[in-house]
Amino acid sequence: MVLIIQKLFGRRAVIELLKVEVAAKDREKYLQLDREIWTKTLAQFPGFINKEVWLNPHKPTEVILIIRWRSRREWKSISPQLLQEIERQFAAKMGNIPHKIVESMEYQIVETLR
């Protein structure tokens, strides 16, 4: 069965892909704080569909975050000031633990096969 996401939401859904580098020993803390701060906040926005976290078994310092949005317009409607404030809170909780977004991509969802 082919499920066209656009038909479900009336517009083309998008994926925000973030590749993060964080030391393997700090990965669980990073994931916990990401859930508590970023995911909790983003989930309050009406365009948010869901979020997945992918871990690379061959590269324990790599974390991939996949965030699905109903539309690019809804995703980009989040104010830059709010995003900066969320990042400030996140960085404060992370303390001196280094972490870095090394890649940021946007994809359109055309179809999902089941």
C-alpha atoms as a PDB file:
ATOM      1  CA  MET A   1       0.000   0.000   0.000  1.00  0.00           C
ATOM      2  CA  VAL A   2       1.325   3.425  -0.902  1.00  0.00           C
ATOM      3  CA  LEU A   3       0.378   6.142   1.516  1.00  0.00           C
ATOM      4  CA  ILE A   4       0.870   9.653   0.200  1.00  0.00           C
ATOM      5  CA  ILE A   5       1.670  11.854   3.201  1.00  0.00           C
ATOM      6  CA  GLN A   6       0.491  14.937   1.352  1.00  0.00           C
ATOM      7  CA  LYS A   7      -3.017  13.491   1.206  1.00  0.00           C
ATOM      8  CA  LEU A   8      -3.004  12.902   4.947  1.00  0.00           C
ATOM      9  CA  PHE A   9      -2.008  16.421   5.909  1.00  0.00           C
ATOM     10  CA  GLY A  10      -3.137  18.468   2.899  1.00  0.00           C
ATOM     11  CA  ARG A  11       0.395  19.694   2.278  1.00  0.00           C
ATOM     12  CA  ARG A  12       3.850  18.239   1.813  1.00  0.00           C
ATOM     13  CA  ALA A  13       5.305  17.038   5.112  1.00  0.00           C
ATOM     14  CA  VAL A  14       8.997  17.602   5.771  1.00  0.00           C
ATOM     15  CA  ILE A  15      11.798  15.929   7.669  1.00  0.00           C
ATOM     16  CA  GLU A  16      14.354  17.853   9.676  1.00  0.00           C
ATOM     17  CA  LEU A  17      17.487  15.706   9.979  1.00  0.00           C
ATOM     18  CA  LEU A  18      20.161  16.673  12.490  1.00  0.00           C
ATOM     19  CA  LYS A  19      23.420  14.789  12.862  1.00  0.00           C
ATOM     20  CA  VAL A  20      24.989  15.384  16.270  1.00  0.00           C
ATOM     21  CA  GLU A  21      28.429  14.452  17.559  1.00  0.00           C
ATOM     22  CA  VAL A  22      28.682  13.771  21.291  1.00  0.00           C
ATOM     23  CA  ALA A  23      31.159  11.634  23.234  1.00  0.00           C
ATOM     24  CA  ALA A  24      29.919   8.078  23.698  1.00  0.00           C
ATOM     25  CA  LYS A  25      30.210   8.426  27.481  1.00  0.00           C
ATOM     26  CA  ASP A  26      27.910  11.489  27.383  1.00  0.00           C
ATOM     27  CA  ARG A  27      25.385  10.188  24.865  1.00  0.00           C
ATOM     28  CA  GLU A  28      22.739   9.067  27.389  1.00  0.00           C
ATOM     29  CA  LYS A  29      22.778  12.418  29.162  1.00  0.00           C
ATOM     30  CA  TYR A  30      22.499  14.187  25.810  1.00  0.00           C
ATOM     31  CA  LEU A  31      19.518  12.021  24.820  1.00  0.00           C
ATOM     32  CA  GLN A  32      17.794  12.507  28.179  1.00  0.00           C
ATOM     33  CA  LEU A  33      18.147  16.299  28.043  1.00  0.00           C
ATOM     34  CA  ASP A  34      17.137  16.379  24.386  1.00  0.00           C
ATOM     35  CA  ARG A  35      13.900  14.567  25.323  1.00  0.00           C
ATOM     36  CA  GLU A  36      13.244  16.766  28.363  1.00  0.00           C
ATOM     37  CA  ILE A  37      13.960  20.093  26.698  1.00  0.00           C
ATOM     38  CA  TRP A  38      13.872  19.982  22.890  1.00  0.00           C
ATOM     39  CA  THR A  39      11.322  17.243  22.232  1.00  0.00           C
ATOM     40  CA  LYS A  40       8.973  18.405  24.985  1.00  0.00           C
ATOM     41  CA  THR A  41       8.967  21.954  23.581  1.00  0.00           C
ATOM     42  CA  LEU A  42       8.728  21.040  19.888  1.00  0.00           C
ATOM     43  CA  ALA A  43       5.876  18.606  20.544  1.00  0.00           C
ATOM     44  CA  GLN A  44       3.720  21.533  21.675  1.00  0.00           C
ATOM     45  CA  PHE A  45       3.691  23.035  18.169  1.00  0.00           C
ATOM     46  CA  PRO A  46       0.764  22.032  15.953  1.00  0.00           C
ATOM     47  CA  GLY A  47       2.980  21.173  12.959  1.00  0.00           C
ATOM     48  CA  PHE A  48       5.047  18.640  14.930  1.00  0.00           C
ATOM     49  CA  ILE A  49       4.300  15.037  13.908  1.00  0.00           C
ATOM     50  CA  ASN A  50       6.969  13.019  15.715  1.00  0.00           C
ATOM     51  CA  LYS A  51      10.657  12.593  16.397  1.00  0.00           C
ATOM     52  CA  GLU A  52      12.964   9.602  16.109  1.00  0.00           C
ATOM     53  CA  VAL A  53      16.473   9.151  17.468  1.00  0.00           C
ATOM     54  CA  TRP A  54      18.821   6.936  15.489  1.00  0.00           C
ATOM     55  CA  LEU A  55      22.080   5.609  16.952  1.00  0.00           C
ATOM     56  CA  ASN A  56      24.887   4.369  14.755  1.00  0.00           C
ATOM     57  CA  PRO A  57      26.121   1.031  16.174  1.00  0.00           C
ATOM     58  CA  HIS A  58      29.442   1.487  14.353  1.00  0.00           C
ATOM     59  CA  LYS A  59      30.034   5.081  15.471  1.00  0.00           C
ATOM     60  CA  PRO A  60      28.905   5.590  19.086  1.00  0.00           C
ATOM     61  CA  THR A  61      29.576   9.338  18.949  1.00  0.00           C
ATOM     62  CA  GLU A  62      26.940   9.861  16.245  1.00  0.00           C
ATOM     63  CA  VAL A  63      23.294  10.643  16.994  1.00  0.00           C
ATOM     64  CA  ILE A  64      20.769  11.275  14.228  1.00  0.00           C
ATOM     65  CA  LEU A  65      17.594  13.180  15.077  1.00  0.00           C
ATOM     66  CA  ILE A  66      14.690  12.845  12.654  1.00  0.00           C
ATOM     67  CA  ILE A  67      11.891  15.345  13.259  1.00  0.00           C
ATOM     68  CA  ARG A  68       8.762  15.139  11.127  1.00  0.00           C
ATOM     69  CA  TRP A  69       6.750  18.294  10.492  1.00  0.00           C
ATOM     70  CA  ARG A  70       3.347  18.601   8.861  1.00  0.00           C
ATOM     71  CA  SER A  71       4.666  21.382   6.631  1.00  0.00           C
ATOM     72  CA  ARG A  72       7.737  23.512   6.141  1.00  0.00           C
ATOM     73  CA  ARG A  73       5.660  26.611   6.908  1.00  0.00           C
ATOM     74  CA  GLU A  74       4.609  25.235  10.312  1.00  0.00           C
ATOM     75  CA  TRP A  75       8.156  24.158  11.148  1.00  0.00           C
ATOM     76  CA  LYS A  76       9.685  27.496  10.165  1.00  0.00           C
ATOM     77  CA  SER A  77       6.974  29.470  11.998  1.00  0.00           C
ATOM     78  CA  ILE A  78       8.738  28.776  15.314  1.00  0.00           C
ATOM     79  CA  SER A  79      10.401  32.029  16.290  1.00  0.00           C
ATOM     80  CA  PRO A  80      14.204  32.162  16.146  1.00  0.00           C
ATOM     81  CA  GLN A  81      14.162  33.826  19.569  1.00  0.00           C
ATOM     82  CA  LEU A  82      12.340  30.847  21.073  1.00  0.00           C
ATOM     83  CA  LEU A  83      14.766  28.419  19.451  1.00  0.00           C
ATOM     84  CA  GLN A  84      17.689  30.413  20.881  1.00  0.00           C
ATOM     85  CA  GLU A  85      16.116  30.315  24.337  1.00  0.00           C
ATOM     86  CA  ILE A  86      15.582  26.546  24.133  1.00  0.00           C
ATOM     87  CA  GLU A  87      19.195  26.081  23.028  1.00  0.00           C
ATOM     88  CA  ARG A  88      20.374  28.284  25.907  1.00  0.00           C
ATOM     89  CA  GLN A  89      18.461  26.100  28.393  1.00  0.00           C
ATOM     90  CA  PHE A  90      19.789  22.937  26.771  1.00  0.00           C
ATOM     91  CA  ALA A  91      23.406  24.160  26.782  1.00  0.00           C
ATOM     92  CA  ALA A  92      23.116  25.227  30.431  1.00  0.00           C
ATOM     93  CA  LYS A  93      21.919  21.745  31.438  1.00  0.00           C
ATOM     94  CA  MET A  94      24.628  20.075  29.330  1.00  0.00           C
ATOM     95  CA  GLY A  95      27.263  22.134  31.116  1.00  0.00           C
ATOM     96  CA  ASN A  96      30.763  21.500  29.823  1.00  0.00           C
ATOM     97  CA  ILE A  97      29.795  18.397  27.862  1.00  0.00           C
ATOM     98  CA  PRO A  98      30.787  19.056  24.256  1.00  0.00           C
ATOM     99  CA  HIS A  99      28.177  18.383  21.600  1.00  0.00           C
ATOM    100  CA  LYS A 100      27.843  19.741  18.110  1.00  0.00           C
ATOM    101  CA  ILE A 101      25.345  19.616  15.267  1.00  0.00           C
ATOM    102  CA  VAL A 102      27.600  18.612  12.377  1.00  0.00           C
ATOM    103  CA  GLU A 103      24.892  18.323   9.736  1.00  0.00           C
ATOM    104  CA  SER A 104      21.446  19.805   9.272  1.00  0.00           C
ATOM    105  CA  MET A 105      19.255  18.764   6.350  1.00  0.00           C
ATOM    106  CA  GLU A 106      15.690  19.184   5.174  1.00  0.00           C
ATOM    107  CA  TYR A 107      13.776  16.596   3.169  1.00  0.00           C
ATOM    108  CA  GLN A 108      10.269  16.526   1.741  1.00  0.00           C
ATOM    109  CA  ILE A 109       8.232  13.398   2.373  1.00  0.00           C
ATOM    110  CA  VAL A 110       6.766  12.260  -0.935  1.00  0.00           C
ATOM    111  CA  GLU A 111       5.430   8.867   0.099  1.00  0.00           C
ATOM    112  CA  THR A 112       5.641   6.181   2.726  1.00  0.00           C
ATOM    113  CA  LEU A 113       5.448   2.538   1.687  1.00  0.00           C
ATOM    114  CA  ARG A 114       3.879  -0.017   3.998  1.00  0.00           C
END
